[in-house]
PDB file of N, CA and C in Angstrom:
ATOM      1  N   GLN A   1     -76.998   5.725 -52.280  1.00  0.00           N
ATOM      2  CA  GLN A   1     -77.650   6.750 -51.585  1.00  0.00           C
ATOM      3  C   GLN A   1     -78.057   8.084 -52.322  1.00  0.00           C
ATOM      4  N   GLU A   2     -77.355   8.284 -53.679  1.00  0.00           N
ATOM      5  CA  GLU A   2     -77.724   9.221 -54.355  1.00  0.00           C
ATOM      6  C   GLU A   2     -79.032   8.861 -55.316  1.00  0.00           C
ATOM      7  N   LEU A   3     -79.038   7.528 -55.485  1.00  0.00           N
ATOM      8  CA  LEU A   3     -80.316   6.920 -56.223  1.00  0.00           C
ATOM      9  C   LEU A   3     -81.583   7.093 -55.293  1.00  0.00           C
ATOM     10  N   LEU A   4     -81.323   6.504 -54.105  1.00  0.00           N
ATOM     11  CA  LEU A   4     -82.460   6.603 -53.249  1.00  0.00           C
ATOM     12  C   LEU A   4     -83.046   8.216 -53.111  1.00  0.00           C
ATOM     13  N   ARG A   5     -81.830   8.943 -53.125  1.00  0.00           N
ATOM     14  CA  ARG A   5     -82.414  10.392 -52.827  1.00  0.00           C
ATOM     15  C   ARG A   5     -83.430  10.788 -53.992  1.00  0.00           C
ATOM     16  N   VAL A   6     -82.974  10.548 -55.198  1.00  0.00           N
ATOM     17  CA  VAL A   6     -83.852  10.870 -56.389  1.00  0.00           C
ATOM     18  C   VAL A   6     -85.045  10.004 -56.271  1.00  0.00           C
ATOM     19  N   MET A   7     -84.893   8.846 -56.012  1.00  0.00           N
ATOM     20  CA  MET A   7     -86.306   7.973 -55.901  1.00  0.00           C
ATOM     21  C   MET A   7     -87.225   8.686 -54.738  1.00  0.00           C
ATOM     22  N   ARG A   8     -86.794   9.120 -53.691  1.00  0.00           N
ATOM     23  CA  ARG A   8     -87.623   9.892 -52.778  1.00  0.00           C
ATOM     24  C   ARG A   8     -88.149  11.202 -53.036  1.00  0.00           C
ATOM     25  N   THR A   9     -88.197  11.524 -54.267  1.00  0.00           N
ATOM     26  CA  THR A   9     -88.355  12.895 -54.412  1.00  0.00           C
ATOM     27  C   THR A   9     -90.016  12.967 -54.470  1.00  0.00           C
ATOM     28  N   ILE A  10     -90.636  11.817 -54.703  1.00  0.00           N
ATOM     29  CA  ILE A  10     -92.156  11.730 -54.601  1.00  0.00           C
ATOM     30  C   ILE A  10     -92.704  11.898 -53.265  1.00  0.00           C
ATOM     31  N   ASP A  11     -91.835  11.281 -52.207  1.00  0.00           N
ATOM     32  CA  ASP A  11     -92.370  11.385 -50.767  1.00  0.00           C
ATOM     33  C   ASP A  11     -91.886  12.929 -50.520  1.00  0.00           C
ATOM     34  N   ASP A  12     -90.880  13.552 -50.787  1.00  0.00           N
ATOM     35  CA  ASP A  12     -90.464  14.872 -50.444  1.00  0.00           C
ATOM     36  C   ASP A  12     -91.611  15.954 -50.978  1.00  0.00           C
ATOM     37  N   ARG A  13     -92.232  15.647 -52.183  1.00  0.00           N
ATOM     38  CA  ARG A  13     -92.975  16.602 -52.660  1.00  0.00           C
ATOM     39  C   ARG A  13     -94.520  16.177 -52.372  1.00  0.00           C
ATOM     40  N   ILE A  14     -94.887  15.222 -51.521  1.00  0.00           N
ATOM     41  CA  ILE A  14     -96.097  14.780 -51.286  1.00  0.00           C
ATOM     42  C   ILE A  14     -97.146  15.995 -51.010  1.00  0.00           C
ATOM     43  N   VAL A  15     -96.736  16.899 -50.201  1.00  0.00           N
ATOM     44  CA  VAL A  15     -97.656  18.007 -49.777  1.00  0.00           C
ATOM     45  C   VAL A  15     -98.159  18.688 -51.091  1.00  0.00           C
ATOM     46  N   HIS A  16     -96.923  19.241 -51.849  1.00  0.00           N
ATOM     47  CA  HIS A  16     -97.147  19.780 -53.122  1.00  0.00           C
ATOM     48  C   HIS A  16     -98.104  19.250 -54.096  1.00  0.00           C
ATOM     49  N   GLU A  17     -98.051  17.940 -54.249  1.00  0.00           N
ATOM     50  CA  GLU A  17     -98.716  16.929 -54.782  1.00  0.00           C
ATOM     51  C   GLU A  17    -100.140  16.919 -54.623  1.00  0.00           C
ATOM     52  N   LEU A  18    -100.492  16.896 -53.183  1.00  0.00           N
ATOM     53  CA  LEU A  18    -101.784  16.916 -52.586  1.00  0.00           C
ATOM     54  C   LEU A  18    -102.273  18.201 -52.925  1.00  0.00           C
ATOM     55  N   ASN A  19    -101.676  19.363 -52.876  1.00  0.00           N
ATOM     56  CA  ASN A  19    -102.160  20.613 -52.910  1.00  0.00           C
ATOM     57  C   ASN A  19    -102.707  20.828 -54.565  1.00  0.00           C
ATOM     58  N   THR A  20    -101.960  20.321 -55.342  1.00  0.00           N
ATOM     59  CA  THR A  20    -102.404  20.491 -56.720  1.00  0.00           C
ATOM     60  C   THR A  20    -103.261  19.388 -57.219  1.00  0.00           C
ATOM     61  N   THR A  21    -103.490  18.458 -56.466  1.00  0.00           N
ATOM     62  CA  THR A  21    -104.522  17.450 -56.673  1.00  0.00           C
ATOM     63  C   THR A  21    -105.868  17.951 -56.359  1.00  0.00           C
ATOM     64  N   ILE A  22    -105.954  18.570 -55.146  1.00  0.00           N
ATOM     65  CA  ILE A  22    -107.251  19.121 -54.706  1.00  0.00           C
ATOM     66  C   ILE A  22    -107.833  20.300 -55.837  1.00  0.00           C
ATOM     67  N   PRO A  23    -108.961  20.069 -56.569  1.00  0.00           N
ATOM     68  CA  PRO A  23    -109.029  21.237 -57.618  1.00  0.00           C
ATOM     69  C   PRO A  23    -109.825  22.284 -56.852  1.00  0.00           C
ATOM     70  N   THR A  24    -109.503  23.583 -57.415  1.00  0.00           N
ATOM     71  CA  THR A  24    -110.011  24.773 -56.955  1.00  0.00           C
ATOM     72  C   THR A  24    -111.433  24.862 -57.216  1.00  0.00           C
ATOM     73  N   ALA A  25    -112.366  25.956 -56.945  1.00  0.00           N
ATOM     74  CA  ALA A  25    -113.587  26.045 -57.273  1.00  0.00           C
ATOM     75  C   ALA A  25    -114.134  25.907 -58.690  1.00  0.00           C
ATOM     76  N   SER A  26    -112.888  26.789 -59.457  1.00  0.00           N
ATOM     77  CA  SER A  26    -113.243  26.724 -61.009  1.00  0.00           C
ATOM     78  C   SER A  26    -113.112  25.417 -61.630  1.00  0.00           C
ATOM     79  N   PHE A  27    -112.281  24.503 -61.073  1.00  0.00           N
ATOM     80  CA  PHE A  27    -111.906  23.386 -61.508  1.00  0.00           C
ATOM     81  C   PHE A  27    -112.734  22.196 -61.255  1.00  0.00           C
ATOM     82  N   VAL A  28    -113.558  22.318 -60.209  1.00  0.00           N
ATOM     83  CA  VAL A  28    -114.250  21.389 -59.445  1.00  0.00           C
ATOM     84  C   VAL A  28    -114.685  20.213 -60.443  1.00  0.00           C
ATOM     85  N   GLY A  29    -115.397  20.450 -61.641  1.00  0.00           N
ATOM     86  CA  GLY A  29    -116.060  19.795 -62.557  1.00  0.00           C
ATOM     87  C   GLY A  29    -114.988  19.185 -63.578  1.00  0.00           C
ATOM     88  N   LYS A  30    -113.745  19.753 -63.733  1.00  0.00           N
ATOM     89  CA  LYS A  30    -112.898  19.281 -64.720  1.00  0.00           C
ATOM     90  C   LYS A  30    -112.007  18.110 -64.093  1.00  0.00           C
ATOM     91  N   VAL A  31    -111.896  18.170 -62.904  1.00  0.00           N
ATOM     92  CA  VAL A  31    -110.873  17.224 -62.158  1.00  0.00           C
ATOM     93  C   VAL A  31    -111.370  16.280 -61.441  1.00  0.00           C
ATOM     94  N   ASP A  32    -111.154  15.012 -61.523  1.00  0.00           N
ATOM     95  CA  ASP A  32    -111.621  13.812 -60.443  1.00  0.00           C
ATOM     96  C   ASP A  32    -110.515  13.570 -59.489  1.00  0.00           C
ATOM     97  N   PRO A  33    -110.844  14.447 -58.317  1.00  0.00           N
ATOM     98  CA  PRO A  33    -109.944  14.524 -57.217  1.00  0.00           C
ATOM     99  C   PRO A  33    -109.578  12.918 -56.653  1.00  0.00           C
ATOM    100  N   GLY A  34    -110.805  12.155 -56.853  1.00  0.00           N
ATOM    101  CA  GLY A  34    -110.605  10.942 -56.220  1.00  0.00           C
ATOM    102  C   GLY A  34    -109.769   9.962 -57.170  1.00  0.00           C
ATOM    103  N   GLN A  35    -109.912  10.125 -58.302  1.00  0.00           N
ATOM    104  CA  GLN A  35    -108.962   9.307 -59.284  1.00  0.00           C
ATOM    105  C   GLN A  35    -107.761   9.694 -59.185  1.00  0.00           C
ATOM    106  N   THR A  36    -107.373  11.069 -59.127  1.00  0.00           N
ATOM    107  CA  THR A  36    -106.070  11.740 -58.949  1.00  0.00           C
ATOM    108  C   THR A  36    -105.481  11.286 -57.567  1.00  0.00           C
ATOM    109  N   CYS A  37    -106.012  11.306 -56.472  1.00  0.00           N
ATOM    110  CA  CYS A  37    -105.562  10.581 -55.302  1.00  0.00           C
ATOM    111  C   CYS A  37    -105.291   9.280 -55.526  1.00  0.00           C
ATOM    112  N   LYS A  38    -106.078   8.300 -56.215  1.00  0.00           N
ATOM    113  CA  LYS A  38    -105.798   6.996 -56.462  1.00  0.00           C
ATOM    114  C   LYS A  38    -104.497   6.902 -57.248  1.00  0.00           C
ATOM    115  N   GLU A  39    -104.279   7.791 -58.092  1.00  0.00           N
ATOM    116  CA  GLU A  39    -103.013   7.580 -58.920  1.00  0.00           C
ATOM    117  C   GLU A  39    -101.688   8.098 -58.045  1.00  0.00           C
ATOM    118  N   LEU A  40    -102.111   9.250 -57.200  1.00  0.00           N
ATOM    119  CA  LEU A  40    -100.924   9.502 -56.379  1.00  0.00           C
ATOM    120  C   LEU A  40    -100.534   8.218 -55.475  1.00  0.00           C
ATOM    121  N   TYR A  41    -101.716   7.495 -54.646  1.00  0.00           N
ATOM    122  CA  TYR A  41    -101.441   6.563 -53.871  1.00  0.00           C
ATOM    123  C   TYR A  41    -100.623   5.505 -54.542  1.00  0.00           C
ATOM    124  N   GLN A  42    -101.241   5.409 -55.605  1.00  0.00           N
ATOM    125  CA  GLN A  42    -100.495   4.008 -56.618  1.00  0.00           C
ATOM    126  C   GLN A  42     -98.935   4.331 -56.785  1.00  0.00           C
ATOM    127  N   SER A  43     -98.620   5.755 -57.190  1.00  0.00           N
ATOM    128  CA  SER A  43     -97.315   6.120 -57.288  1.00  0.00           C
ATOM    129  C   SER A  43     -96.357   6.126 -56.017  1.00  0.00           C
ATOM    130  N   LEU A  44     -97.174   6.249 -55.172  1.00  0.00           N
ATOM    131  CA  LEU A  44     -96.169   6.197 -53.743  1.00  0.00           C
ATOM    132  C   LEU A  44     -96.126   4.624 -53.556  1.00  0.00           C
ATOM    133  N   MET A  45     -97.116   3.627 -53.675  1.00  0.00           N
ATOM    134  CA  MET A  45     -96.871   2.185 -53.302  1.00  0.00           C
ATOM    135  C   MET A  45     -95.691   1.960 -54.336  1.00  0.00           C
ATOM    136  N   ASP A  46     -95.734   1.998 -55.703  1.00  0.00           N
ATOM    137  CA  ASP A  46     -94.767   1.640 -56.671  1.00  0.00           C
ATOM    138  C   ASP A  46     -93.311   2.228 -56.044  1.00  0.00           C
ATOM    139  N   ALA A  47     -93.271   3.499 -55.875  1.00  0.00           N
ATOM    140  CA  ALA A  47     -91.946   3.985 -55.215  1.00  0.00           C
ATOM    141  C   ALA A  47     -91.404   3.478 -54.145  1.00  0.00           C
ATOM    142  N   HIS A  48     -92.420   3.309 -53.159  1.00  0.00           N
ATOM    143  CA  HIS A  48     -91.975   2.394 -51.875  1.00  0.00           C
ATOM    144  C   HIS A  48     -91.464   1.100 -52.045  1.00  0.00           C
ATOM    145  N   THR A  49     -92.249   0.231 -52.998  1.00  0.00           N
ATOM    146  CA  THR A  49     -91.753  -1.072 -53.166  1.00  0.00           C
ATOM    147  C   THR A  49     -90.511  -0.871 -53.854  1.00  0.00           C
ATOM    148  N   SER A  50     -90.287  -0.263 -54.928  1.00  0.00           N
ATOM    149  CA  SER A  50     -89.236  -0.095 -55.543  1.00  0.00           C
ATOM    150  C   SER A  50     -88.002   0.123 -54.822  1.00  0.00           C
ATOM    151  N   ARG A  51     -88.029   1.227 -53.886  1.00  0.00           N
ATOM    152  CA  ARG A  51     -86.926   1.516 -53.119  1.00  0.00           C
ATOM    153  C   ARG A  51     -86.683   0.482 -52.230  1.00  0.00           C
ATOM    154  N   GLU A  52     -87.667  -0.148 -51.477  1.00  0.00           N
ATOM    155  CA  GLU A  52     -87.156  -1.185 -50.489  1.00  0.00           C
ATOM    156  C   GLU A  52     -86.651  -2.577 -51.329  1.00  0.00           C
ATOM    157  N   ARG A  53     -87.097  -2.878 -52.519  1.00  0.00           N
ATOM    158  CA  ARG A  53     -86.627  -3.850 -53.056  1.00  0.00           C
ATOM    159  C   ARG A  53     -85.140  -3.587 -53.455  1.00  0.00           C
ATOM    160  N   ILE A  54     -84.830  -2.204 -53.852  1.00  0.00           N
ATOM    161  CA  ILE A  54     -83.298  -2.027 -54.025  1.00  0.00           C
ATOM    162  C   ILE A  54     -82.570  -2.067 -52.879  1.00  0.00           C
ATOM    163  N   ILE A  55     -83.026  -1.514 -51.926  1.00  0.00           N
ATOM    164  CA  ILE A  55     -82.212  -1.538 -50.599  1.00  0.00           C
ATOM    165  C   ILE A  55     -81.898  -2.980 -50.082  1.00  0.00           C
ATOM    166  N   LYS A  56     -83.025  -3.736 -50.200  1.00  0.00           N
ATOM    167  CA  LYS A  56     -82.911  -5.243 -49.637  1.00  0.00           C
ATOM    168  C   LYS A  56     -81.954  -5.832 -50.581  1.00  0.00           C
ATOM    169  N   ASN A  57     -81.840  -5.496 -51.944  1.00  0.00           N
ATOM    170  CA  ASN A  57     -80.945  -6.392 -52.767  1.00  0.00           C
ATOM    171  C   ASN A  57     -79.529  -5.997 -52.553  1.00  0.00           C
ATOM    172  N   CYS A  58     -79.253  -4.792 -52.315  1.00  0.00           N
ATOM    173  CA  CYS A  58     -78.098  -4.190 -51.914  1.00  0.00           C
ATOM    174  C   CYS A  58     -77.484  -4.797 -50.439  1.00  0.00           C
ATOM    175  N   ILE A  59     -78.541  -4.979 -49.621  1.00  0.00           N
ATOM    176  CA  ILE A  59     -78.132  -5.556 -48.402  1.00  0.00           C
ATOM    177  C   ILE A  59     -77.684  -7.124 -48.527  1.00  0.00           C
ATOM    178  N   SER A  60     -78.583  -7.656 -49.298  1.00  0.00           N
ATOM    179  CA  SER A  60     -78.235  -9.026 -49.661  1.00  0.00           C
ATOM    180  C   SER A  60     -76.923  -9.289 -50.404  1.00  0.00           C
ATOM    181  N   GLN A  61     -76.513  -8.476 -51.384  1.00  0.00           N
ATOM    182  CA  GLN A  61     -75.319  -8.586 -51.919  1.00  0.00           C
ATOM    183  C   GLN A  61     -74.148  -8.130 -51.089  1.00  0.00           C
ATOM    184  N   THR A  62     -74.163  -7.320 -50.470  1.00  0.00           N
ATOM    185  CA  THR A  62     -73.409  -6.830 -49.488  1.00  0.00           C
ATOM    186  C   THR A  62     -73.227  -7.966 -48.393  1.00  0.00           C
ATOM    187  N   SER A  63     -74.013  -8.519 -47.868  1.00  0.00           N
ATOM    188  CA  SER A  63     -73.860  -9.519 -46.746  1.00  0.00           C
ATOM    189  C   SER A  63     -73.136 -10.771 -47.479  1.00  0.00           C
ATOM    190  N   THR A  64     -73.296 -11.164 -48.747  1.00  0.00           N
ATOM    191  CA  THR A  64     -72.592 -12.151 -49.156  1.00  0.00           C
ATOM    192  C   THR A  64     -71.132 -11.822 -49.332  1.00  0.00           C
ATOM    193  N   VAL A  65     -70.825 -10.664 -49.836  1.00  0.00           N
ATOM    194  CA  VAL A  65     -69.657 -10.079 -49.748  1.00  0.00           C
ATOM    195  C   VAL A  65     -68.761 -10.112 -48.480  1.00  0.00           C
ATOM    196  N   VAL A  66     -69.393  -9.710 -47.617  1.00  0.00           N
ATOM    197  CA  VAL A  66     -68.967  -9.706 -46.232  1.00  0.00           C
ATOM    198  C   VAL A  66     -68.531 -11.091 -45.729  1.00  0.00           C
ATOM    199  N   LYS A  67     -69.476 -11.796 -45.903  1.00  0.00           N
ATOM    200  CA  LYS A  67     -69.452 -13.335 -45.680  1.00  0.00           C
ATOM    201  C   LYS A  67     -68.172 -14.031 -46.226  1.00  0.00           C
ATOM    202  N   THR A  68     -68.025 -13.762 -47.584  1.00  0.00           N
ATOM    203  CA  THR A  68     -66.997 -14.277 -48.166  1.00  0.00           C
ATOM    204  C   THR A  68     -65.803 -13.650 -47.735  1.00  0.00           C
ATOM    205  N   LEU A  69     -65.543 -12.316 -47.588  1.00  0.00           N
ATOM    206  CA  LEU A  69     -64.466 -11.829 -46.868  1.00  0.00           C
ATOM    207  C   LEU A  69     -64.151 -12.162 -45.387  1.00  0.00           C
ATOM    208  N   LYS A  70     -65.038 -12.568 -44.764  1.00  0.00           N
ATOM    209  CA  LYS A  70     -64.610 -13.158 -43.503  1.00  0.00           C
ATOM    210  C   LYS A  70     -64.068 -14.660 -43.575  1.00  0.00           C
ATOM    211  N   GLU A  71     -64.593 -15.309 -44.579  1.00  0.00           N
ATOM    212  CA  GLU A  71     -63.917 -16.729 -44.735  1.00  0.00           C
ATOM    213  C   GLU A  71     -62.634 -16.599 -45.272  1.00  0.00           C
ATOM    214  N   GLU A  72     -62.337 -15.676 -46.313  1.00  0.00           N
ATOM    215  CA  GLU A  72     -60.916 -15.482 -46.762  1.00  0.00           C
ATOM    216  C   GLU A  72     -60.074 -15.037 -45.622  1.00  0.00           C
ATOM    217  N   ARG A  73     -60.821 -14.336 -44.665  1.00  0.00           N
ATOM    218  CA  ARG A  73     -59.768 -13.707 -43.623  1.00  0.00           C
ATOM    219  C   ARG A  73     -59.393 -14.922 -42.584  1.00  0.00           C
ATOM    220  N   GLU A  74     -60.261 -15.842 -42.527  1.00  0.00           N
ATOM    221  CA  GLU A  74     -59.916 -16.916 -41.434  1.00  0.00           C
ATOM    222  C   GLU A  74     -58.652 -17.638 -42.159  1.00  0.00           C
ATOM    223  N   LYS A  75     -58.553 -17.654 -43.682  1.00  0.00           N
ATOM    224  CA  LYS A  75     -57.362 -18.331 -43.986  1.00  0.00           C
ATOM    225  C   LYS A  75     -56.173 -17.358 -44.020  1.00  0.00           C
ATOM    226  N   ALA A  76     -56.329 -16.034 -44.210  1.00  0.00           N
ATOM    227  CA  ALA A  76     -55.274 -15.143 -44.252  1.00  0.00           C
ATOM    228  C   ALA A  76     -55.334 -14.255 -43.166  1.00  0.00           C
ATOM    229  N   HIS A  77     -54.879 -14.417 -42.000  1.00  0.00           N
ATOM    230  CA  HIS A  77     -54.983 -13.494 -40.918  1.00  0.00           C
ATOM    231  C   HIS A  77     -54.411 -12.242 -40.796  1.00  0.00           C
ATOM    232  N   GLU A  78     -53.211 -12.404 -41.652  1.00  0.00           N
ATOM    233  CA  GLU A  78     -52.047 -11.019 -41.724  1.00  0.00           C
ATOM    234  C   GLU A  78     -52.448 -10.153 -42.854  1.00  0.00           C
ATOM    235  N   ASP A  79     -53.508 -10.626 -43.644  1.00  0.00           N
ATOM    236  CA  ASP A  79     -53.691  -9.764 -45.019  1.00  0.00           C
ATOM    237  C   ASP A  79     -54.295  -8.286 -44.577  1.00  0.00           C
ATOM    238  N   ALA A  80     -53.544  -7.398 -44.472  1.00  0.00           N
ATOM    239  CA  ALA A  80     -54.100  -5.800 -44.208  1.00  0.00           C
ATOM    240  C   ALA A  80     -55.009  -5.562 -45.162  1.00  0.00           C
ATOM    241  N   ALA A  81     -54.759  -5.703 -46.577  1.00  0.00           N
ATOM    242  CA  ALA A  81     -55.618  -5.350 -47.658  1.00  0.00           C
ATOM    243  C   ALA A  81     -56.946  -5.989 -47.368  1.00  0.00           C
ATOM    244  N   LEU A  82     -56.920  -7.216 -47.233  1.00  0.00           N
ATOM    245  CA  LEU A  82     -58.232  -8.076 -46.961  1.00  0.00           C
ATOM    246  C   LEU A  82     -59.135  -7.329 -45.819  1.00  0.00           C
ATOM    247  N   LEU A  83     -58.509  -7.062 -44.552  1.00  0.00           N
ATOM    248  CA  LEU A  83     -59.079  -6.627 -43.458  1.00  0.00           C
ATOM    249  C   LEU A  83     -59.659  -5.245 -43.932  1.00  0.00           C
ATOM    250  N   LYS A  84     -59.030  -4.462 -44.379  1.00  0.00           N
ATOM    251  CA  LYS A  84     -59.290  -3.047 -44.920  1.00  0.00           C
ATOM    252  C   LYS A  84     -60.825  -3.290 -45.728  1.00  0.00           C
ATOM    253  N   GLN A  85     -60.596  -4.226 -46.817  1.00  0.00           N
ATOM    254  CA  GLN A  85     -61.703  -4.266 -47.482  1.00  0.00           C
ATOM    255  C   GLN A  85     -63.013  -4.893 -46.909  1.00  0.00           C
ATOM    256  N   LEU A  86     -62.708  -5.761 -45.830  1.00  0.00           N
ATOM    257  CA  LEU A  86     -63.818  -6.326 -44.973  1.00  0.00           C
ATOM    258  C   LEU A  86     -64.468  -5.252 -44.299  1.00  0.00           C
ATOM    259  N   ARG A  87     -63.751  -4.404 -43.697  1.00  0.00           N
ATOM    260  CA  ARG A  87     -64.203  -3.486 -42.907  1.00  0.00           C
ATOM    261  C   ARG A  87     -65.125  -2.291 -43.562  1.00  0.00           C
ATOM    262  N   LYS A  88     -64.535  -2.196 -44.938  1.00  0.00           N
ATOM    263  CA  LYS A  88     -65.425  -0.983 -45.878  1.00  0.00           C
ATOM    264  C   LYS A  88     -66.630  -1.777 -46.171  1.00  0.00           C
ATOM    265  N   GLU A  89     -66.703  -3.064 -46.539  1.00  0.00           N
ATOM    266  CA  GLU A  89     -67.900  -3.804 -46.724  1.00  0.00           C
ATOM    267  C   GLU A  89     -68.852  -3.897 -45.683  1.00  0.00           C
ATOM    268  N   GLN A  90     -68.295  -4.070 -44.365  1.00  0.00           N
ATOM    269  CA  GLN A  90     -69.021  -3.975 -43.204  1.00  0.00           C
ATOM    270  C   GLN A  90     -69.677  -2.712 -42.960  1.00  0.00           C
ATOM    271  N   THR A  91     -68.936  -1.607 -43.281  1.00  0.00           N
ATOM    272  CA  THR A  91     -69.408  -0.424 -43.127  1.00  0.00           C
ATOM    273  C   THR A  91     -70.678  -0.051 -44.128  1.00  0.00           C
ATOM    274  N   LYS A  92     -70.393  -0.471 -45.286  1.00  0.00           N
ATOM    275  CA  LYS A  92     -71.297  -0.418 -46.460  1.00  0.00           C
ATOM    276  C   LYS A  92     -72.889  -1.217 -45.890  1.00  0.00           C
ATOM    277  N   LEU A  93     -72.709  -2.250 -45.284  1.00  0.00           N
ATOM    278  CA  LEU A  93     -73.770  -2.997 -44.862  1.00  0.00           C
ATOM    279  C   LEU A  93     -74.480  -2.357 -43.996  1.00  0.00           C
ATOM    280  N   LYS A  94     -73.788  -1.768 -42.822  1.00  0.00           N
ATOM    281  CA  LYS A  94     -74.480  -0.914 -41.940  1.00  0.00           C
ATOM    282  C   LYS A  94     -75.282   0.183 -42.422  1.00  0.00           C
ATOM    283  N   LEU A  95     -74.659   0.791 -43.488  1.00  0.00           N
ATOM    284  CA  LEU A  95     -75.307   2.004 -44.134  1.00  0.00           C
ATOM    285  C   LEU A  95     -76.539   1.601 -44.740  1.00  0.00           C
ATOM    286  N   MET A  96     -76.470   0.611 -45.537  1.00  0.00           N
ATOM    287  CA  MET A  96     -77.681   0.043 -46.249  1.00  0.00           C
ATOM    288  C   MET A  96     -78.660  -0.437 -45.250  1.00  0.00           C
ATOM    289  N   GLN A  97     -78.345  -1.032 -44.133  1.00  0.00           N
ATOM    290  CA  GLN A  97     -79.373  -1.432 -43.182  1.00  0.00           C
ATOM    291  C   GLN A  97     -79.906  -0.260 -42.596  1.00  0.00           C
ATOM    292  N   SER A  98     -79.155   0.906 -42.204  1.00  0.00           N
ATOM    293  CA  SER A  98     -79.973   2.206 -41.756  1.00  0.00           C
ATOM    294  C   SER A  98     -80.623   3.049 -42.950  1.00  0.00           C
ATOM    295  N   GLU A  99     -80.272   2.493 -44.180  1.00  0.00           N
ATOM    296  CA  GLU A  99     -81.287   3.120 -45.160  1.00  0.00           C
ATOM    297  C   GLU A  99     -82.756   2.451 -45.274  1.00  0.00           C
ATOM    298  N   LEU A 100     -82.614   1.216 -44.643  1.00  0.00           N
ATOM    299  CA  LEU A 100     -84.062   0.687 -44.607  1.00  0.00           C
ATOM    300  C   LEU A 100     -84.843   1.243 -43.577  1.00  0.00           C
ATOM    301  N   ASN A 101     -84.184   1.678 -42.260  1.00  0.00           N
ATOM    302  CA  ASN A 101     -84.749   2.572 -41.541  1.00  0.00           C
ATOM    303  C   ASN A 101     -85.254   3.746 -41.926  1.00  0.00           C
ATOM    304  N   VAL A 102     -84.499   4.512 -42.507  1.00  0.00           N
ATOM    305  CA  VAL A 102     -84.742   5.632 -42.911  1.00  0.00           C
ATOM    306  C   VAL A 102     -85.812   5.571 -44.159  1.00  0.00           C
ATOM    307  N   GLU A 103     -85.865   4.546 -44.710  1.00  0.00           N
ATOM    308  CA  GLU A 103     -87.105   4.251 -45.793  1.00  0.00           C
ATOM    309  C   GLU A 103     -88.354   3.997 -45.225  1.00  0.00           C
ATOM    310  N   GLU A 104     -88.209   3.521 -44.005  1.00  0.00           N
ATOM    311  CA  GLU A 104     -89.548   3.123 -43.049  1.00  0.00           C
ATOM    312  C   GLU A 104     -90.172   4.446 -42.520  1.00  0.00           C
ATOM    313  N   VAL A 105     -89.132   5.315 -42.229  1.00  0.00           N
ATOM    314  CA  VAL A 105     -89.653   6.828 -41.807  1.00  0.00           C
ATOM    315  C   VAL A 105     -90.363   7.588 -42.593  1.00  0.00           C
ATOM    316  N   VAL A 106     -89.539   7.691 -43.909  1.00  0.00           N
ATOM    317  CA  VAL A 106     -90.223   8.481 -45.160  1.00  0.00           C
ATOM    318  C   VAL A 106     -91.373   7.799 -45.508  1.00  0.00           C
ATOM    319  N   ASN A 107     -91.556   6.576 -45.668  1.00  0.00           N
ATOM    320  CA  ASN A 107     -92.807   6.066 -45.992  1.00  0.00           C
ATOM    321  C   ASN A 107     -93.958   6.325 -44.985  1.00  0.00           C
ATOM    322  N   ASP A 108     -93.616   6.123 -43.566  1.00  0.00           N
ATOM    323  CA  ASP A 108     -94.678   6.416 -42.708  1.00  0.00           C
ATOM    324  C   ASP A 108     -95.019   7.920 -42.746  1.00  0.00           C
ATOM    325  N   ARG A 109     -94.214   8.917 -42.892  1.00  0.00           N
ATOM    326  CA  ARG A 109     -94.435  10.122 -43.102  1.00  0.00           C
ATOM    327  C   ARG A 109     -95.282  10.636 -44.475  1.00  0.00           C
ATOM    328  N   SER A 110     -94.961   9.724 -45.425  1.00  0.00           N
ATOM    329  CA  SER A 110     -95.722  10.108 -46.615  1.00  0.00           C
ATOM    330  C   SER A 110     -97.174   9.616 -46.463  1.00  0.00           C
ATOM    331  N   TRP A 111     -97.136   8.374 -46.094  1.00  0.00           N
ATOM    332  CA  TRP A 111     -98.871   7.956 -45.566  1.00  0.00           C
ATOM    333  C   TRP A 111     -99.440   8.650 -44.663  1.00  0.00           C
ATOM    334  N   LYS A 112     -98.856   9.116 -43.603  1.00  0.00           N
ATOM    335  CA  LYS A 112     -99.518  10.047 -42.802  1.00  0.00           C
ATOM    336  C   LYS A 112    -100.088  11.330 -43.483  1.00  0.00           C
ATOM    337  N   VAL A 113     -99.309  11.820 -44.136  1.00  0.00           N
ATOM    338  CA  VAL A 113     -99.684  13.238 -45.072  1.00  0.00           C
ATOM    339  C   VAL A 113    -100.875  12.774 -45.945  1.00  0.00           C
ATOM    340  N   LEU A 114    -100.681  11.668 -46.508  1.00  0.00           N
ATOM    341  CA  LEU A 114    -101.577  11.213 -47.717  1.00  0.00           C
ATOM    342  C   LEU A 114    -103.086  11.167 -46.850  1.00  0.00           C
ATOM    343  N   SER A 115    -102.932  10.439 -45.639  1.00  0.00           N
ATOM    344  CA  SER A 115    -104.371  10.019 -45.024  1.00  0.00           C
ATOM    345  C   SER A 115    -104.894  11.243 -44.364  1.00  0.00           C
ATOM    346  N   ASP A 116    -103.988  12.270 -44.153  1.00  0.00           N
ATOM    347  CA  ASP A 116    -104.621  13.351 -43.442  1.00  0.00           C
ATOM    348  C   ASP A 116    -105.229  14.284 -44.318  1.00  0.00           C
TER     349      ASP A 116
END
């Protein structure tokens, strides 16, 4: 979660980035706003793709762990430590799945700000 928070900084600062991208009258000839916007767009695309890949990778790994723990639980019904670990991993899986939903909201907000 901390990694995702840090990686979402570009989305959190999108309004600031746009405000500093659009040149004032004194800098109109010195800065190409079209190129700067294109670079910002590419940075957002890269950040969104990277975060989504990381989240989906975590979901995949955690799903595998949950599946393995469920199989082990079938063999050892009374193992309290195993059950505790399974619940912990299931909670982690739900958290990662909710992060995917958060990511969608963050991305939508950023694209809306950029397009407006």
